[in-house]
């Protein structure tokens, strides 16, 4: 059983290719599959054509020291920055 399936997302994979509709399966904190997924999961979220993409690297920021005050970096995560 998978941990999570994101159904019907607009996949933007960062390669420069056009987006496409697909599901994303997550297992153990990692992407297990992308495509049409009919497996069972502990949780399924229908993202109804919202964009699903990898995280983004913030190559230029002025908030480097914020990590010391806010170690969970919630404000950055809400912007899609993961590294």
Protein backbone atom coordinates (compact mmCIF):
# COMPACT_ATOMS: atom_id res chain seq x y z
CA UNK A 1 0.00 0.00 0.00
CA UNK A 2 1.29 3.45 -0.92
CA UNK A 3 1.50 6.29 1.58
CA UNK A 4 -0.02 8.98 -0.66
CA UNK A 5 -1.39 9.45 -4.16
CA UNK A 6 -1.86 12.90 -5.69
CA UNK A 7 -4.52 12.40 -8.39
CA UNK A 8 -5.08 14.42 -11.56
CA UNK A 9 -2.18 16.85 -11.18
CA UNK A 10 -0.60 19.05 -13.82
CA UNK A 11 2.93 17.68 -13.74
CA UNK A 12 5.64 20.26 -14.37
CA UNK A 13 8.85 18.27 -14.05
CA UNK A 14 11.47 20.97 -14.50
CA UNK A 15 12.87 19.59 -17.77
CA UNK A 16 11.34 22.33 -19.94
CA UNK A 17 8.82 19.92 -21.47
CA UNK A 18 5.13 20.92 -21.48
CA UNK A 19 3.07 19.98 -18.42
CA UNK A 20 0.93 16.84 -18.54
CA UNK A 21 -1.89 15.33 -16.46
CA UNK A 22 -0.88 12.44 -14.20
CA UNK A 23 -1.00 10.99 -10.70
CA UNK A 24 1.99 10.92 -8.35
CA UNK A 25 2.50 8.09 -5.85
CA UNK A 26 4.56 8.65 -2.70
CA UNK A 27 6.06 5.85 -0.60
CA UNK A 28 8.47 6.37 2.27
CA UNK A 29 8.84 10.09 1.52
CA UNK A 30 9.91 9.49 -2.09
CA UNK A 31 8.18 9.50 -5.45
CA UNK A 32 7.34 5.88 -6.24
CA UNK A 33 5.51 6.36 -9.56
CA UNK A 34 4.13 8.96 -11.94
CA UNK A 35 1.31 8.19 -14.39
CA UNK A 36 -2.16 6.69 -14.03
CA UNK A 37 -2.05 4.98 -10.65
CA UNK A 38 -4.79 2.59 -9.58
CA UNK A 39 -3.09 1.24 -6.43
CA UNK A 40 -4.38 1.68 -2.89
CA UNK A 41 -2.94 4.38 -0.64
CA UNK A 42 -3.30 5.46 2.97
CA UNK A 43 -4.29 8.89 1.68
CA UNK A 44 -5.43 10.09 -1.74
CA UNK A 45 -5.74 13.76 -2.62
CA UNK A 46 -7.47 14.88 -5.81
CA UNK A 47 -5.44 17.95 -6.76
CA UNK A 48 -7.76 18.65 -9.74
CA UNK A 49 -5.24 19.98 -12.23
CA UNK A 50 -3.21 21.99 -9.71
CA UNK A 51 0.51 22.09 -10.51
CA UNK A 52 2.62 19.30 -9.03
CA UNK A 53 6.33 19.94 -9.40
CA UNK A 54 9.66 19.29 -7.71
CA UNK A 55 10.84 21.82 -5.16
CA UNK A 56 12.70 24.90 -6.22
CA UNK A 57 16.16 26.10 -5.23
CA UNK A 58 16.31 29.69 -4.04
CA UNK A 59 19.58 30.65 -5.68
CA UNK A 60 19.33 34.29 -4.63
CA UNK A 61 17.82 35.24 -1.33
CA UNK A 62 18.41 37.66 1.50
CA UNK A 63 16.88 35.45 4.14
CA UNK A 64 19.76 33.01 4.70
CA UNK A 65 19.88 33.63 8.43
CA UNK A 66 16.14 33.08 8.83
CA UNK A 67 16.81 29.35 9.20
CA UNK A 68 18.23 30.00 12.69
CA UNK A 69 15.04 31.71 13.89
CA UNK A 70 12.61 29.50 11.95
CA UNK A 71 14.20 26.06 11.46
CA UNK A 72 11.10 24.61 9.75
CA UNK A 73 11.35 27.39 7.11
CA UNK A 74 7.57 27.42 6.69
CA UNK A 75 7.52 30.68 4.76
CA UNK A 76 10.00 29.31 2.21
CA UNK A 77 8.15 26.00 1.88
CA UNK A 78 4.90 27.81 1.14
CA UNK A 79 6.73 29.48 -1.78
CA UNK A 80 7.90 26.11 -3.13
CA UNK A 81 11.53 26.46 -2.04
CA UNK A 82 12.91 23.17 -0.75
CA UNK A 83 16.70 23.63 -0.88
